[in-house]
Amino acid sequence: MVTRKATPQERIARDLLTQRPLFLGVDGASATHYWDGYEQAVVVIQDDEVAKVKLTDTPFLTLSGWTEYTHEERGWTVGPYVGGSIVNDLVSALEAST
């Protein structure tokens, strides 16, 4: 079993969320996004600012809506890592290696 240390941002997200947070990505403004499916909430961390946003408090009904909004407003420099399948991940990895 591979063990890795949590990043400082991941530790912050763990403190704020019920479940272990899922790393979504880093947006174009260098804010890191984490997701908790149980709470239906995103933690956004940028420098010293931390925000926990429940989807019910936004106009977005799904995580897909949140990531699309972020893409339109800020873009993504890393990710977003949402949805898809292992097949899509393998195809992407193969395309990147060629």
PDB file of N, CA and C in Angstrom:
ATOM      1  N   MET A   1       0.832  -1.180   0.000  1.00  0.00           N
ATOM      2  CA  MET A   1       0.000   0.000   0.000  1.00  0.00           C
ATOM      3  C   MET A   1       0.879   1.248   0.000  1.00  0.00           C
ATOM      4  N   VAL A   2       0.551   2.195  -0.858  1.00  0.00           N
ATOM      5  CA  VAL A   2       1.319   3.422  -0.972  1.00  0.00           C
ATOM      6  C   VAL A   2       0.720   4.454  -0.022  1.00  0.00           C
ATOM      7  N   THR A   3       1.576   5.071   0.754  1.00  0.00           N
ATOM      8  CA  THR A   3       1.142   6.125   1.670  1.00  0.00           C
ATOM      9  C   THR A   3       1.778   7.429   1.221  1.00  0.00           C
ATOM     10  N   ARG A   4       0.999   8.481   1.227  1.00  0.00           N
ATOM     11  CA  ARG A   4       1.539   9.791   0.882  1.00  0.00           C
ATOM     12  C   ARG A   4       1.104  10.793   1.935  1.00  0.00           C
ATOM     13  N   LYS A   5       1.904  11.818   2.108  1.00  0.00           N
ATOM     14  CA  LYS A   5       1.583  12.852   3.086  1.00  0.00           C
ATOM     15  C   LYS A   5       0.586  13.831   2.469  1.00  0.00           C
ATOM     16  N   ALA A   6      -0.326  14.288   3.290  1.00  0.00           N
ATOM     17  CA  ALA A   6      -1.292  15.285   2.839  1.00  0.00           C
ATOM     18  C   ALA A   6      -0.601  16.634   2.689  1.00  0.00           C
ATOM     19  N   THR A   7      -1.006  17.382   1.680  1.00  0.00           N
ATOM     20  CA  THR A   7      -0.491  18.736   1.501  1.00  0.00           C
ATOM     21  C   THR A   7      -1.107  19.641   2.565  1.00  0.00           C
ATOM     22  N   PRO A   8      -0.512  20.812   2.806  1.00  0.00           N
ATOM     23  CA  PRO A   8      -1.117  21.736   3.785  1.00  0.00           C
ATOM     24  C   PRO A   8      -2.568  22.092   3.430  1.00  0.00           C
ATOM     25  N   GLN A   9      -2.847  22.277   2.124  1.00  0.00           N
ATOM     26  CA  GLN A   9      -4.214  22.592   1.712  1.00  0.00           C
ATOM     27  C   GLN A   9      -5.156  21.422   1.992  1.00  0.00           C
ATOM     28  N   GLU A  10      -4.695  20.204   1.748  1.00  0.00           N
ATOM     29  CA  GLU A  10      -5.540  19.040   1.999  1.00  0.00           C
ATOM     30  C   GLU A  10      -5.851  18.908   3.487  1.00  0.00           C
ATOM     31  N   ARG A  11      -4.876  19.210   4.333  1.00  0.00           N
ATOM     32  CA  ARG A  11      -5.135  19.153   5.783  1.00  0.00           C
ATOM     33  C   ARG A  11      -6.194  20.169   6.192  1.00  0.00           C
ATOM     34  N   ILE A  12      -6.147  21.349   5.602  1.00  0.00           N
ATOM     35  CA  ILE A  12      -7.164  22.370   5.882  1.00  0.00           C
ATOM     36  C   ILE A  12      -8.533  21.866   5.446  1.00  0.00           C
ATOM     37  N   ALA A  13      -8.602  21.315   4.239  1.00  0.00           N
ATOM     38  CA  ALA A  13      -9.877  20.796   3.724  1.00  0.00           C
ATOM     39  C   ALA A  13     -10.395  19.665   4.608  1.00  0.00           C
ATOM     40  N   ARG A  14      -9.510  18.780   5.081  1.00  0.00           N
ATOM     41  CA  ARG A  14      -9.928  17.686   5.967  1.00  0.00           C
ATOM     42  C   ARG A  14     -10.568  18.216   7.242  1.00  0.00           C
ATOM     43  N   ASP A  15     -10.024  19.312   7.761  1.00  0.00           N
ATOM     44  CA  ASP A  15     -10.574  19.898   8.989  1.00  0.00           C
ATOM     45  C   ASP A  15     -11.972  20.465   8.780  1.00  0.00           C
ATOM     46  N   LEU A  16     -12.283  20.874   7.568  1.00  0.00           N
ATOM     47  CA  LEU A  16     -13.559  21.534   7.296  1.00  0.00           C
ATOM     48  C   LEU A  16     -14.645  20.607   6.765  1.00  0.00           C
ATOM     49  N   LEU A  17     -14.252  19.450   6.259  1.00  0.00           N
ATOM     50  CA  LEU A  17     -15.203  18.558   5.605  1.00  0.00           C
ATOM     51  C   LEU A  17     -15.412  17.278   6.396  1.00  0.00           C
ATOM     52  N   THR A  18     -16.543  16.632   6.164  1.00  0.00           N
ATOM     53  CA  THR A  18     -16.888  15.389   6.852  1.00  0.00           C
ATOM     54  C   THR A  18     -16.067  14.220   6.326  1.00  0.00           C
ATOM     55  N   GLN A  19     -16.028  14.066   5.021  1.00  0.00           N
ATOM     56  CA  GLN A  19     -15.296  12.969   4.399  1.00  0.00           C
ATOM     57  C   GLN A  19     -13.904  13.427   3.984  1.00  0.00           C
ATOM     58  N   ARG A  20     -13.072  12.443   3.677  1.00  0.00           N
ATOM     59  CA  ARG A  20     -11.760  12.788   3.136  1.00  0.00           C
ATOM     60  C   ARG A  20     -11.980  13.560   1.838  1.00  0.00           C
ATOM     61  N   PRO A  21     -11.382  14.732   1.703  1.00  0.00           N
ATOM     62  CA  PRO A  21     -11.656  15.560   0.530  1.00  0.00           C
ATOM     63  C   PRO A  21     -11.064  14.982  -0.752  1.00  0.00           C
ATOM     64  N   LEU A  22     -11.764  15.217  -1.839  1.00  0.00           N
ATOM     65  CA  LEU A  22     -11.310  14.839  -3.165  1.00  0.00           C
ATOM     66  C   LEU A  22     -10.704  16.076  -3.829  1.00  0.00           C
ATOM     67  N   PHE A  23      -9.466  15.978  -4.251  1.00  0.00           N
ATOM     68  CA  PHE A  23      -8.803  17.086  -4.931  1.00  0.00           C
ATOM     69  C   PHE A  23      -9.444  17.288  -6.296  1.00  0.00           C
ATOM     70  N   LEU A  24      -9.979  18.483  -6.516  1.00  0.00           N
ATOM     71  CA  LEU A  24     -10.592  18.799  -7.810  1.00  0.00           C
ATOM     72  C   LEU A  24      -9.597  19.411  -8.772  1.00  0.00           C
ATOM     73  N   GLY A  25      -8.769  20.312  -8.271  1.00  0.00           N
ATOM     74  CA  GLY A  25      -7.812  20.968  -9.141  1.00  0.00           C
ATOM     75  C   GLY A  25      -7.434  22.338  -8.619  1.00  0.00           C
ATOM     76  N   VAL A  26      -6.681  23.044  -9.450  1.00  0.00           N
ATOM     77  CA  VAL A  26      -6.237  24.399  -9.140  1.00  0.00           C
ATOM     78  C   VAL A  26      -6.741  25.296 -10.257  1.00  0.00           C
ATOM     79  N   ASP A  27      -7.442  26.361  -9.878  1.00  0.00           N
ATOM     80  CA  ASP A  27      -8.005  27.238 -10.905  1.00  0.00           C
ATOM     81  C   ASP A  27      -6.976  28.255 -11.388  1.00  0.00           C
ATOM     82  N   GLY A  28      -7.377  29.053 -12.350  1.00  0.00           N
ATOM     83  CA  GLY A  28      -6.483  30.028 -12.963  1.00  0.00           C
ATOM     84  C   GLY A  28      -6.031  31.136 -12.045  1.00  0.00           C
ATOM     85  N   ALA A  29      -6.677  31.301 -10.882  1.00  0.00           N
ATOM     86  CA  ALA A  29      -6.271  32.292  -9.885  1.00  0.00           C
ATOM     87  C   ALA A  29      -5.444  31.641  -8.776  1.00  0.00           C
ATOM     88  N   SER A  30      -4.992  30.417  -9.015  1.00  0.00           N
ATOM     89  CA  SER A  30      -4.162  29.645  -8.081  1.00  0.00           C
ATOM     90  C   SER A  30      -4.889  29.229  -6.801  1.00  0.00           C
ATOM     91  N   ALA A  31      -6.207  29.121  -6.864  1.00  0.00           N
ATOM     92  CA  ALA A  31      -6.984  28.614  -5.729  1.00  0.00           C
ATOM     93  C   ALA A  31      -7.154  27.110  -5.894  1.00  0.00           C
ATOM     94  N   THR A  32      -6.952  26.376  -4.798  1.00  0.00           N
ATOM     95  CA  THR A  32      -7.078  24.924  -4.813  1.00  0.00           C
ATOM     96  C   THR A  32      -8.479  24.544  -4.367  1.00  0.00           C
ATOM     97  N   HIS A  33      -9.116  23.621  -5.095  1.00  0.00           N
ATOM     98  CA  HIS A  33     -10.491  23.211  -4.816  1.00  0.00           C
ATOM     99  C   HIS A  33     -10.519  21.754  -4.357  1.00  0.00           C
ATOM    100  N   TYR A  34     -11.282  21.497  -3.275  1.00  0.00           N
ATOM    101  CA  TYR A  34     -11.506  20.140  -2.762  1.00  0.00           C
ATOM    102  C   TYR A  34     -13.009  19.909  -2.636  1.00  0.00           C
ATOM    103  N   TRP A  35     -13.439  18.676  -2.810  1.00  0.00           N
ATOM    104  CA  TRP A  35     -14.853  18.315  -2.830  1.00  0.00           C
ATOM    105  C   TRP A  35     -15.173  17.273  -1.768  1.00  0.00           C
ATOM    106  N   ASP A  36     -16.332  17.420  -1.146  1.00  0.00           N
ATOM    107  CA  ASP A  36     -16.887  16.407  -0.242  1.00  0.00           C
ATOM    108  C   ASP A  36     -18.275  16.064  -0.754  1.00  0.00           C
ATOM    109  N   GLY A  37     -18.434  14.857  -1.289  1.00  0.00           N
ATOM    110  CA  GLY A  37     -19.716  14.437  -1.845  1.00  0.00           C
ATOM    111  C   GLY A  37     -20.792  14.262  -0.793  1.00  0.00           C
ATOM    112  N   TYR A  38     -20.407  13.907   0.423  1.00  0.00           N
ATOM    113  CA  TYR A  38     -21.385  13.733   1.492  1.00  0.00           C
ATOM    114  C   TYR A  38     -22.035  15.068   1.853  1.00  0.00           C
ATOM    115  N   GLU A  39     -21.220  16.076   2.022  1.00  0.00           N
ATOM    116  CA  GLU A  39     -21.738  17.411   2.367  1.00  0.00           C
ATOM    117  C   GLU A  39     -22.186  18.197   1.147  1.00  0.00           C
ATOM    118  N   GLN A  40     -21.809  17.712  -0.055  1.00  0.00           N
ATOM    119  CA  GLN A  40     -22.068  18.462  -1.280  1.00  0.00           C
ATOM    120  C   GLN A  40     -21.479  19.867  -1.150  1.00  0.00           C
ATOM    121  N   ALA A  41     -20.195  19.901  -0.749  1.00  0.00           N
ATOM    122  CA  ALA A  41     -19.520  21.170  -0.500  1.00  0.00           C
ATOM    123  C   ALA A  41     -18.132  21.171  -1.121  1.00  0.00           C
ATOM    124  N   VAL A  42     -17.693  22.370  -1.487  1.00  0.00           N
ATOM    125  CA  VAL A  42     -16.358  22.585  -2.032  1.00  0.00           C
ATOM    126  C   VAL A  42     -15.606  23.480  -1.050  1.00  0.00           C
ATOM    127  N   VAL A  43     -14.362  23.129  -0.778  1.00  0.00           N
ATOM    128  CA  VAL A  43     -13.482  24.014  -0.024  1.00  0.00           C
ATOM    129  C   VAL A  43     -12.518  24.618  -1.038  1.00  0.00           C
ATOM    130  N   VAL A  44     -12.427  25.942  -1.020  1.00  0.00           N
ATOM    131  CA  VAL A  44     -11.545  26.665  -1.929  1.00  0.00           C
ATOM    132  C   VAL A  44     -10.491  27.367  -1.074  1.00  0.00           C
ATOM    133  N   ILE A  45      -9.219  27.098  -1.390  1.00  0.00           N
ATOM    134  CA  ILE A  45      -8.122  27.647  -0.603  1.00  0.00           C
ATOM    135  C   ILE A  45      -7.215  28.441  -1.531  1.00  0.00           C
ATOM    136  N   GLN A  46      -7.057  29.721  -1.198  1.00  0.00           N
ATOM    137  CA  GLN A  46      -6.180  30.587  -1.979  1.00  0.00           C
ATOM    138  C   GLN A  46      -5.371  31.433  -1.010  1.00  0.00           C
ATOM    139  N   ASP A  47      -4.074  31.186  -0.988  1.00  0.00           N
ATOM    140  CA  ASP A  47      -3.166  31.848  -0.049  1.00  0.00           C
ATOM    141  C   ASP A  47      -3.677  31.633   1.376  1.00  0.00           C
ATOM    142  N   ASP A  48      -4.001  32.714   2.084  1.00  0.00           N
ATOM    143  CA  ASP A  48      -4.488  32.601   3.463  1.00  0.00           C
ATOM    144  C   ASP A  48      -6.010  32.611   3.563  1.00  0.00           C
ATOM    145  N   GLU A  49      -6.688  32.634   2.437  1.00  0.00           N
ATOM    146  CA  GLU A  49      -8.147  32.665   2.436  1.00  0.00           C
ATOM    147  C   GLU A  49      -8.703  31.264   2.199  1.00  0.00           C
ATOM    148  N   VAL A  50      -9.681  30.889   3.030  1.00  0.00           N
ATOM    149  CA  VAL A  50     -10.326  29.581   2.915  1.00  0.00           C
ATOM    150  C   VAL A  50     -11.830  29.796   2.906  1.00  0.00           C
ATOM    151  N   ALA A  51     -12.507  29.169   1.958  1.00  0.00           N
ATOM    152  CA  ALA A  51     -13.969  29.269   1.890  1.00  0.00           C
ATOM    153  C   ALA A  51     -14.550  27.873   1.714  1.00  0.00           C
ATOM    154  N   LYS A  52     -15.576  27.587   2.501  1.00  0.00           N
ATOM    155  CA  LYS A  52     -16.336  26.353   2.332  1.00  0.00           C
ATOM    156  C   LYS A  52     -17.668  26.748   1.714  1.00  0.00           C
ATOM    157  N   VAL A  53     -17.962  26.178   0.549  1.00  0.00           N
ATOM    158  CA  VAL A  53     -19.161  26.548  -0.194  1.00  0.00           C
ATOM    159  C   VAL A  53     -20.029  25.315  -0.380  1.00  0.00           C
ATOM    160  N   LYS A  54     -21.226  25.356   0.183  1.00  0.00           N
ATOM    161  CA  LYS A  54     -22.188  24.269  -0.044  1.00  0.00           C
ATOM    162  C   LYS A  54     -22.925  24.560  -1.342  1.00  0.00           C
ATOM    163  N   LEU A  55     -23.081  23.545  -2.175  1.00  0.00           N
ATOM    164  CA  LEU A  55     -23.743  23.764  -3.463  1.00  0.00           C
ATOM    165  C   LEU A  55     -25.159  24.292  -3.290  1.00  0.00           C
ATOM    166  N   THR A  56     -25.820  23.922  -2.184  1.00  0.00           N
ATOM    167  CA  THR A  56     -27.180  24.424  -1.955  1.00  0.00           C
ATOM    168  C   THR A  56     -27.209  25.935  -1.756  1.00  0.00           C
ATOM    169  N   ASP A  57     -26.048  26.542  -1.458  1.00  0.00           N
ATOM    170  CA  ASP A  57     -25.963  27.996  -1.286  1.00  0.00           C
ATOM    171  C   ASP A  57     -25.553  28.699  -2.567  1.00  0.00           C
ATOM    172  N   THR A  58     -25.501  27.952  -3.671  1.00  0.00           N
ATOM    173  CA  THR A  58     -25.106  28.510  -4.962  1.00  0.00           C
ATOM    174  C   THR A  58     -26.205  28.224  -5.988  1.00  0.00           C
ATOM    175  N   PRO A  59     -26.106  28.819  -7.166  1.00  0.00           N
ATOM    176  CA  PRO A  59     -27.071  28.482  -8.221  1.00  0.00           C
ATOM    177  C   PRO A  59     -26.773  27.146  -8.904  1.00  0.00           C
ATOM    178  N   PHE A  60     -25.727  26.435  -8.476  1.00  0.00           N
ATOM    179  CA  PHE A  60     -25.311  25.199  -9.134  1.00  0.00           C
ATOM    180  C   PHE A  60     -25.877  24.002  -8.392  1.00  0.00           C
ATOM    181  N   LEU A  61     -26.482  23.096  -9.126  1.00  0.00           N
ATOM    182  CA  LEU A  61     -27.093  21.921  -8.521  1.00  0.00           C
ATOM    183  C   LEU A  61     -26.140  20.740  -8.438  1.00  0.00           C
ATOM    184  N   THR A  62     -25.057  20.797  -9.219  1.00  0.00           N
ATOM    185  CA  THR A  62     -24.135  19.666  -9.285  1.00  0.00           C
ATOM    186  C   THR A  62     -22.690  20.149  -9.215  1.00  0.00           C
ATOM    187  N   LEU A  63     -21.805  19.215  -8.918  1.00  0.00           N
ATOM    188  CA  LEU A  63     -20.377  19.520  -8.942  1.00  0.00           C
ATOM    189  C   LEU A  63     -19.941  19.903 -10.350  1.00  0.00           C
ATOM    190  N   SER A  64     -20.526  19.271 -11.334  1.00  0.00           N
ATOM    191  CA  SER A  64     -20.225  19.605 -12.720  1.00  0.00           C
ATOM    192  C   SER A  64     -20.534  21.078 -12.999  1.00  0.00           C
ATOM    193  N   GLY A  65     -21.649  21.558 -12.471  1.00  0.00           N
ATOM    194  CA  GLY A  65     -21.998  22.971 -12.625  1.00  0.00           C
ATOM    195  C   GLY A  65     -20.963  23.883 -11.982  1.00  0.00           C
ATOM    196  N   TRP A  66     -20.485  23.495 -10.794  1.00  0.00           N
ATOM    197  CA  TRP A  66     -19.454  24.273 -10.088  1.00  0.00           C
ATOM    198  C   TRP A  66     -18.165  24.324 -10.905  1.00  0.00           C
ATOM    199  N   THR A  67     -17.728  23.183 -11.419  1.00  0.00           N
ATOM    200  CA  THR A  67     -16.469  23.161 -12.154  1.00  0.00           C
ATOM    201  C   THR A  67     -16.586  23.911 -13.481  1.00  0.00           C
ATOM    202  N   GLU A  68     -17.752  23.848 -14.100  1.00  0.00           N
ATOM    203  CA  GLU A  68     -17.952  24.594 -15.348  1.00  0.00           C
ATOM    204  C   GLU A  68     -17.942  26.100 -15.072  1.00  0.00           C
ATOM    205  N   TYR A  69     -18.591  26.514 -14.000  1.00  0.00           N
ATOM    206  CA  TYR A  69     -18.584  27.934 -13.605  1.00  0.00           C
ATOM    207  C   TYR A  69     -17.149  28.400 -13.348  1.00  0.00           C
ATOM    208  N   THR A  70     -16.392  27.604 -12.607  1.00  0.00           N
ATOM    209  CA  THR A  70     -15.003  27.956 -12.315  1.00  0.00           C
ATOM    210  C   THR A  70     -14.199  28.048 -13.605  1.00  0.00           C
ATOM    211  N   HIS A  71     -14.445  27.142 -14.522  1.00  0.00           N
ATOM    212  CA  HIS A  71     -13.757  27.165 -15.814  1.00  0.00           C
ATOM    213  C   HIS A  71     -14.048  28.467 -16.562  1.00  0.00           C
ATOM    214  N   GLU A  72     -15.303  28.874 -16.562  1.00  0.00           N
ATOM    215  CA  GLU A  72     -15.698  30.100 -17.267  1.00  0.00           C
ATOM    216  C   GLU A  72     -15.137  31.349 -16.599  1.00  0.00           C
ATOM    217  N   GLU A  73     -15.111  31.388 -15.265  1.00  0.00           N
ATOM    218  CA  GLU A  73     -14.687  32.575 -14.527  1.00  0.00           C
ATOM    219  C   GLU A  73     -13.168  32.685 -14.383  1.00  0.00           C
ATOM    220  N   ARG A  74     -12.496  31.566 -14.119  1.00  0.00           N
ATOM    221  CA  ARG A  74     -11.072  31.599 -13.800  1.00  0.00           C
ATOM    222  C   ARG A  74     -10.222  30.670 -14.649  1.00  0.00           C
ATOM    223  N   GLY A  75     -10.855  29.662 -15.241  1.00  0.00           N
ATOM    224  CA  GLY A  75     -10.098  28.632 -15.938  1.00  0.00           C
ATOM    225  C   GLY A  75      -9.492  27.662 -14.930  1.00  0.00           C
ATOM    226  N   TRP A  76      -8.919  26.607 -15.433  1.00  0.00           N
ATOM    227  CA  TRP A  76      -8.245  25.605 -14.593  1.00  0.00           C
ATOM    228  C   TRP A  76      -6.810  25.466 -15.063  1.00  0.00           C
ATOM    229  N   THR A  77      -5.853  25.535 -14.146  1.00  0.00           N
ATOM    230  CA  THR A  77      -4.462  25.264 -14.508  1.00  0.00           C
ATOM    231  C   THR A  77      -4.120  23.800 -14.243  1.00  0.00           C
ATOM    232  N   VAL A  78      -4.825  23.187 -13.285  1.00  0.00           N
ATOM    233  CA  VAL A  78      -4.698  21.759 -12.990  1.00  0.00           C
ATOM    234  C   VAL A  78      -6.102  21.220 -12.811  1.00  0.00           C
ATOM    235  N   GLY A  79      -6.457  20.182 -13.563  1.00  0.00           N
ATOM    236  CA  GLY A  79      -7.791  19.591 -13.428  1.00  0.00           C
ATOM    237  C   GLY A  79      -8.798  20.314 -14.295  1.00  0.00           C
ATOM    238  N   PRO A  80     -10.051  20.196 -14.004  1.00  0.00           N
ATOM    239  CA  PRO A  80     -10.612  19.562 -12.813  1.00  0.00           C
ATOM    240  C   PRO A  80     -10.683  18.045 -12.969  1.00  0.00           C
ATOM    241  N   TYR A  81     -10.519  17.374 -11.867  1.00  0.00           N
ATOM    242  CA  TYR A  81     -10.595  15.920 -11.825  1.00  0.00           C
ATOM    243  C   TYR A  81     -11.970  15.523 -11.313  1.00  0.00           C
ATOM    244  N   VAL A  82     -12.922  15.473 -12.229  1.00  0.00           N
ATOM    245  CA  VAL A  82     -14.310  15.182 -11.869  1.00  0.00           C
ATOM    246  C   VAL A  82     -14.896  14.234 -12.894  1.00  0.00           C
ATOM    247  N   GLY A  83     -15.645  13.259 -12.415  1.00  0.00           N
ATOM    248  CA  GLY A  83     -16.374  12.378 -13.311  1.00  0.00           C
ATOM    249  C   GLY A  83     -15.461  11.581 -14.204  1.00  0.00           C
ATOM    250  N   GLY A  84     -15.944  11.278 -15.376  1.00  0.00           N
ATOM    251  CA  GLY A  84     -15.178  10.476 -16.310  1.00  0.00           C
ATOM    252  C   GLY A  84     -15.133   9.023 -15.881  1.00  0.00           C
ATOM    253  N   SER A  85     -14.199   8.303 -16.434  1.00  0.00           N
ATOM    254  CA  SER A  85     -14.052   6.893 -16.104  1.00  0.00           C
ATOM    255  C   SER A  85     -12.595   6.518 -16.195  1.00  0.00           C
ATOM    256  N   ILE A  86     -12.274   5.342 -15.732  1.00  0.00           N
ATOM    257  CA  ILE A  86     -10.896   4.872 -15.821  1.00  0.00           C
ATOM    258  C   ILE A  86     -10.479   4.724 -17.271  1.00  0.00           C
ATOM    259  N   VAL A  87     -11.414   4.398 -18.145  1.00  0.00           N
ATOM    260  CA  VAL A  87     -11.107   4.282 -19.567  1.00  0.00           C
ATOM    261  C   VAL A  87     -10.685   5.642 -20.113  1.00  0.00           C
ATOM    262  N   ASN A  88     -11.440   6.684 -19.782  1.00  0.00           N
ATOM    263  CA  ASN A  88     -11.080   8.029 -20.229  1.00  0.00           C
ATOM    264  C   ASN A  88      -9.725   8.441 -19.686  1.00  0.00           C
ATOM    265  N   ASP A  89      -9.443   8.096 -18.412  1.00  0.00           N
ATOM    266  CA  ASP A  89      -8.153   8.422 -17.812  1.00  0.00           C
ATOM    267  C   ASP A  89      -7.021   7.716 -18.555  1.00  0.00           C
ATOM    268  N   LEU A  90      -7.219   6.447 -18.913  1.00  0.00           N
ATOM    269  CA  LEU A  90      -6.188   5.705 -19.629  1.00  0.00           C
ATOM    270  C   LEU A  90      -5.971   6.263 -21.021  1.00  0.00           C
ATOM    271  N   VAL A  91      -7.041   6.617 -21.711  1.00  0.00           N
ATOM    272  CA  VAL A  91      -6.917   7.214 -23.048  1.00  0.00           C
ATOM    273  C   VAL A  91      -6.151   8.519 -22.951  1.00  0.00           C
ATOM    274  N   SER A  92      -6.471   9.352 -21.977  1.00  0.00           N
ATOM    275  CA  SER A  92      -5.768  10.633 -21.798  1.00  0.00           C
ATOM    276  C   SER A  92      -4.283  10.406 -21.528  1.00  0.00           C
ATOM    277  N   ALA A  93      -3.982   9.419 -20.671  1.00  0.00           N
ATOM    278  CA  ALA A  93      -2.584   9.127 -20.352  1.00  0.00           C
ATOM    279  C   ALA A  93      -1.823   8.653 -21.588  1.00  0.00           C
ATOM    280  N   LEU A  94      -2.459   7.813 -22.395  1.00  0.00           N
ATOM    281  CA  LEU A  94      -1.818   7.325 -23.610  1.00  0.00           C
ATOM    282  C   LEU A  94      -1.589   8.445 -24.610  1.00  0.00           C
ATOM    283  N   GLU A  95      -2.573   9.318 -24.757  1.00  0.00           N
ATOM    284  CA  GLU A  95      -2.431  10.437 -25.681  1.00  0.00           C
ATOM    285  C   GLU A  95      -1.321  11.373 -25.227  1.00  0.00           C
ATOM    286  N   ALA A  96      -1.175  11.571 -23.932  1.00  0.00           N
ATOM    287  CA  ALA A  96      -0.149  12.457 -23.410  1.00  0.00           C
ATOM    288  C   ALA A  96       1.250  11.884 -23.602  1.00  0.00           C
ATOM    289  N   SER A  97       1.358  10.561 -23.627  1.00  0.00           N
ATOM    290  CA  SER A  97       2.677   9.927 -23.741  1.00  0.00           C
ATOM    291  C   SER A  97       3.146   9.812 -25.187  1.00  0.00           C
ATOM    292  N   THR A  98       2.269  10.098 -26.148  1.00  0.00           N
ATOM    293  CA  THR A  98       2.672   9.972 -27.553  1.00  0.00           C
ATOM    294  C   THR A  98       3.032  11.285 -28.171  1.00  0.00           C
TER     295      THR A  98
END
